[in-house]
Amino acid sequence: MSQVDWTPHPYLPEPLLYVSGLLPHVTDADLARALEHCIPFRPNIPRGGHEATLSGTIEFRSIVKGK
């Protein structure tokens, strides 16, 4: 993809997606299956507490994969 073909995404200005409301039983492997068309990506969702829902980020290698 050339620079001419690329247009910025109005809601995703960088390859970082913020997620919240994630149930604790959803694993990184579950996210990988759900986002298999967007790999590679790196989830950063702190676990280990007793929160009812989890929040964090998913970092994509490129903005194109994040779209």
N, C-alpha and C. Protein backbone atom coordinates (compact mmCIF):
# COMPACT_ATOMS: atom_id res chain seq x y z
N MET A 1 0.85 -1.17 0.00
CA MET A 1 0.00 0.00 0.00
C MET A 1 0.90 1.23 0.00
N SER A 2 0.65 2.11 -0.90
CA SER A 2 1.46 3.33 -0.97
C SER A 2 0.87 4.39 -0.06
N GLN A 3 1.65 5.43 0.18
CA GLN A 3 1.18 6.53 1.02
C GLN A 3 -0.02 7.22 0.39
N VAL A 4 -0.12 7.19 -0.94
CA VAL A 4 -1.23 7.84 -1.63
C VAL A 4 -2.54 7.12 -1.32
N ASP A 5 -2.50 5.77 -1.19
CA ASP A 5 -3.70 4.99 -0.94
C ASP A 5 -4.15 5.04 0.51
N TRP A 6 -3.29 5.46 1.41
CA TRP A 6 -3.59 5.43 2.83
C TRP A 6 -4.30 6.70 3.27
N THR A 7 -5.42 6.52 3.98
CA THR A 7 -6.11 7.66 4.57
C THR A 7 -6.27 7.37 6.06
N PRO A 8 -6.14 8.37 6.89
CA PRO A 8 -6.26 8.14 8.33
C PRO A 8 -7.66 7.68 8.71
N HIS A 9 -7.72 6.85 9.72
CA HIS A 9 -9.00 6.37 10.24
C HIS A 9 -9.53 7.42 11.22
N PRO A 10 -10.81 7.76 11.15
CA PRO A 10 -11.33 8.83 12.01
C PRO A 10 -11.37 8.48 13.50
N TYR A 11 -11.42 7.19 13.85
CA TYR A 11 -11.53 6.81 15.25
C TYR A 11 -10.32 6.05 15.77
N LEU A 12 -9.42 5.68 14.90
CA LEU A 12 -8.24 4.90 15.29
C LEU A 12 -6.99 5.58 14.74
N PRO A 13 -6.52 6.65 15.41
CA PRO A 13 -5.40 7.42 14.89
C PRO A 13 -4.05 6.73 15.07
N GLU A 14 -3.97 5.72 15.91
CA GLU A 14 -2.73 4.96 16.11
C GLU A 14 -3.12 3.49 16.24
N PRO A 15 -2.17 2.57 16.07
CA PRO A 15 -2.53 1.15 16.11
C PRO A 15 -2.75 0.63 17.53
N LEU A 16 -3.57 1.32 18.29
CA LEU A 16 -3.83 0.96 19.67
C LEU A 16 -5.34 1.05 19.91
N LEU A 17 -5.92 -0.05 20.32
CA LEU A 17 -7.36 -0.12 20.56
C LEU A 17 -7.59 -0.28 22.06
N TYR A 18 -8.37 0.60 22.63
CA TYR A 18 -8.72 0.52 24.05
C TYR A 18 -9.98 -0.32 24.19
N VAL A 19 -9.94 -1.29 25.10
CA VAL A 19 -11.09 -2.16 25.33
C VAL A 19 -11.48 -2.08 26.81
N SER A 20 -12.75 -2.22 27.07
CA SER A 20 -13.25 -2.25 28.45
C SER A 20 -14.48 -3.14 28.49
N GLY A 21 -14.85 -3.53 29.68
CA GLY A 21 -16.02 -4.38 29.83
C GLY A 21 -15.77 -5.83 29.44
N LEU A 22 -14.51 -6.22 29.36
CA LEU A 22 -14.14 -7.57 28.99
C LEU A 22 -14.33 -8.49 30.19
N LEU A 23 -15.06 -9.57 30.00
CA LEU A 23 -15.29 -10.50 31.10
C LEU A 23 -14.00 -11.23 31.45
N PRO A 24 -13.77 -11.51 32.73
CA PRO A 24 -12.51 -12.12 33.16
C PRO A 24 -12.22 -13.49 32.55
N HIS A 25 -13.24 -14.23 32.13
CA HIS A 25 -13.00 -15.55 31.57
C HIS A 25 -12.53 -15.50 30.11
N VAL A 26 -12.54 -14.33 29.48
CA VAL A 26 -12.05 -14.18 28.10
C VAL A 26 -10.53 -14.14 28.15
N THR A 27 -9.90 -15.12 27.52
CA THR A 27 -8.44 -15.24 27.56
C THR A 27 -7.81 -14.56 26.34
N ASP A 28 -6.49 -14.42 26.37
CA ASP A 28 -5.77 -13.89 25.21
C ASP A 28 -5.96 -14.81 24.01
N ALA A 29 -6.05 -16.11 24.25
CA ALA A 29 -6.30 -17.06 23.15
C ALA A 29 -7.68 -16.81 22.53
N ASP A 30 -8.67 -16.49 23.36
CA ASP A 30 -10.01 -16.15 22.84
C ASP A 30 -9.93 -14.90 21.96
N LEU A 31 -9.17 -13.91 22.42
CA LEU A 31 -9.00 -12.68 21.62
C LEU A 31 -8.31 -12.99 20.30
N ALA A 32 -7.31 -13.87 20.33
CA ALA A 32 -6.59 -14.24 19.11
C ALA A 32 -7.55 -14.89 18.10
N ARG A 33 -8.44 -15.75 18.58
CA ARG A 33 -9.41 -16.38 17.67
C ARG A 33 -10.39 -15.33 17.13
N ALA A 34 -10.82 -14.42 17.98
CA ALA A 34 -11.79 -13.40 17.55
C ALA A 34 -11.18 -12.39 16.58
N LEU A 35 -9.88 -12.13 16.74
CA LEU A 35 -9.21 -11.12 15.92
C LEU A 35 -8.19 -11.75 14.97
N GLU A 36 -8.43 -12.98 14.54
CA GLU A 36 -7.44 -13.70 13.73
C GLU A 36 -7.09 -12.98 12.43
N HIS A 37 -7.99 -12.18 11.91
CA HIS A 37 -7.70 -11.45 10.67
C HIS A 37 -6.88 -10.18 10.92
N CYS A 38 -6.61 -9.88 12.18
CA CYS A 38 -5.87 -8.68 12.54
C CYS A 38 -4.48 -8.99 13.09
N ILE A 39 -4.09 -10.26 13.11
CA ILE A 39 -2.80 -10.61 13.71
C ILE A 39 -1.66 -10.13 12.83
N PRO A 40 -0.54 -9.81 13.38
CA PRO A 40 -0.20 -9.94 14.79
C PRO A 40 -0.69 -8.75 15.61
N PHE A 41 -0.98 -9.00 16.85
CA PHE A 41 -1.33 -7.95 17.79
C PHE A 41 -0.85 -8.37 19.17
N ARG A 42 -0.80 -7.40 20.08
CA ARG A 42 -0.33 -7.66 21.43
C ARG A 42 -1.38 -7.14 22.43
N PRO A 43 -2.07 -8.06 23.11
CA PRO A 43 -3.02 -7.61 24.13
C PRO A 43 -2.28 -7.20 25.40
N ASN A 44 -2.73 -6.14 26.01
CA ASN A 44 -2.20 -5.69 27.29
C ASN A 44 -3.41 -5.48 28.21
N ILE A 45 -3.88 -6.58 28.77
CA ILE A 45 -5.07 -6.55 29.61
C ILE A 45 -4.68 -7.12 30.98
N PRO A 46 -4.49 -6.25 31.96
CA PRO A 46 -4.09 -6.72 33.29
C PRO A 46 -5.12 -7.69 33.86
N ARG A 47 -4.62 -8.81 34.36
CA ARG A 47 -5.49 -9.83 34.96
C ARG A 47 -4.98 -10.17 36.35
N GLY A 48 -5.74 -10.91 37.08
CA GLY A 48 -5.29 -11.37 38.37
C GLY A 48 -6.00 -10.74 39.55
N GLY A 49 -6.74 -9.69 39.28
CA GLY A 49 -7.52 -9.07 40.36
C GLY A 49 -8.87 -9.73 40.47
N HIS A 50 -9.76 -9.09 41.17
CA HIS A 50 -11.10 -9.64 41.35
C HIS A 50 -12.16 -8.73 40.73
N GLU A 51 -11.76 -8.02 39.66
CA GLU A 51 -12.69 -7.10 39.00
C GLU A 51 -13.77 -7.88 38.26
N ALA A 52 -14.96 -7.29 38.17
CA ALA A 52 -16.05 -7.92 37.44
C ALA A 52 -15.80 -7.88 35.94
N THR A 53 -15.17 -6.81 35.47
CA THR A 53 -14.80 -6.71 34.06
C THR A 53 -13.38 -6.15 33.96
N LEU A 54 -12.75 -6.41 32.84
CA LEU A 54 -11.37 -5.99 32.62
C LEU A 54 -11.29 -4.90 31.56
N SER A 55 -10.23 -4.12 31.63
CA SER A 55 -9.97 -3.08 30.64
C SER A 55 -8.49 -3.14 30.28
N GLY A 56 -8.18 -2.69 29.09
CA GLY A 56 -6.79 -2.65 28.66
C GLY A 56 -6.68 -2.18 27.23
N THR A 57 -5.60 -2.56 26.59
CA THR A 57 -5.38 -2.16 25.21
C THR A 57 -4.98 -3.37 24.37
N ILE A 58 -5.18 -3.22 23.08
CA ILE A 58 -4.69 -4.18 22.10
C ILE A 58 -3.86 -3.37 21.11
N GLU A 59 -2.59 -3.70 21.02
CA GLU A 59 -1.67 -2.99 20.14
C GLU A 59 -1.47 -3.80 18.85
N PHE A 60 -1.73 -3.15 17.74
CA PHE A 60 -1.55 -3.79 16.43
C PHE A 60 -0.20 -3.40 15.85
N ARG A 61 0.33 -4.24 14.99
CA ARG A 61 1.62 -3.94 14.36
C ARG A 61 1.51 -2.72 13.46
N SER A 62 0.38 -2.56 12.80
CA SER A 62 0.22 -1.41 11.91
C SER A 62 -1.20 -0.89 12.01
N ILE A 63 -1.39 0.33 11.61
CA ILE A 63 -2.71 0.95 11.63
C ILE A 63 -3.66 0.21 10.68
N VAL A 64 -3.13 -0.34 9.61
CA VAL A 64 -3.95 -1.06 8.65
C VAL A 64 -4.57 -2.30 9.30
N LYS A 65 -3.79 -3.02 10.11
CA LYS A 65 -4.33 -4.20 10.81
C LYS A 65 -5.35 -3.78 11.87
N GLY A 66 -5.16 -2.64 12.47
CA GLY A 66 -6.08 -2.16 13.48
C GLY A 66 -7.43 -1.74 12.93
N LYS A 67 -7.45 -1.35 11.67
CA LYS A 67 -8.72 -0.95 11.05
C LYS A 67 -9.63 -2.12 10.96
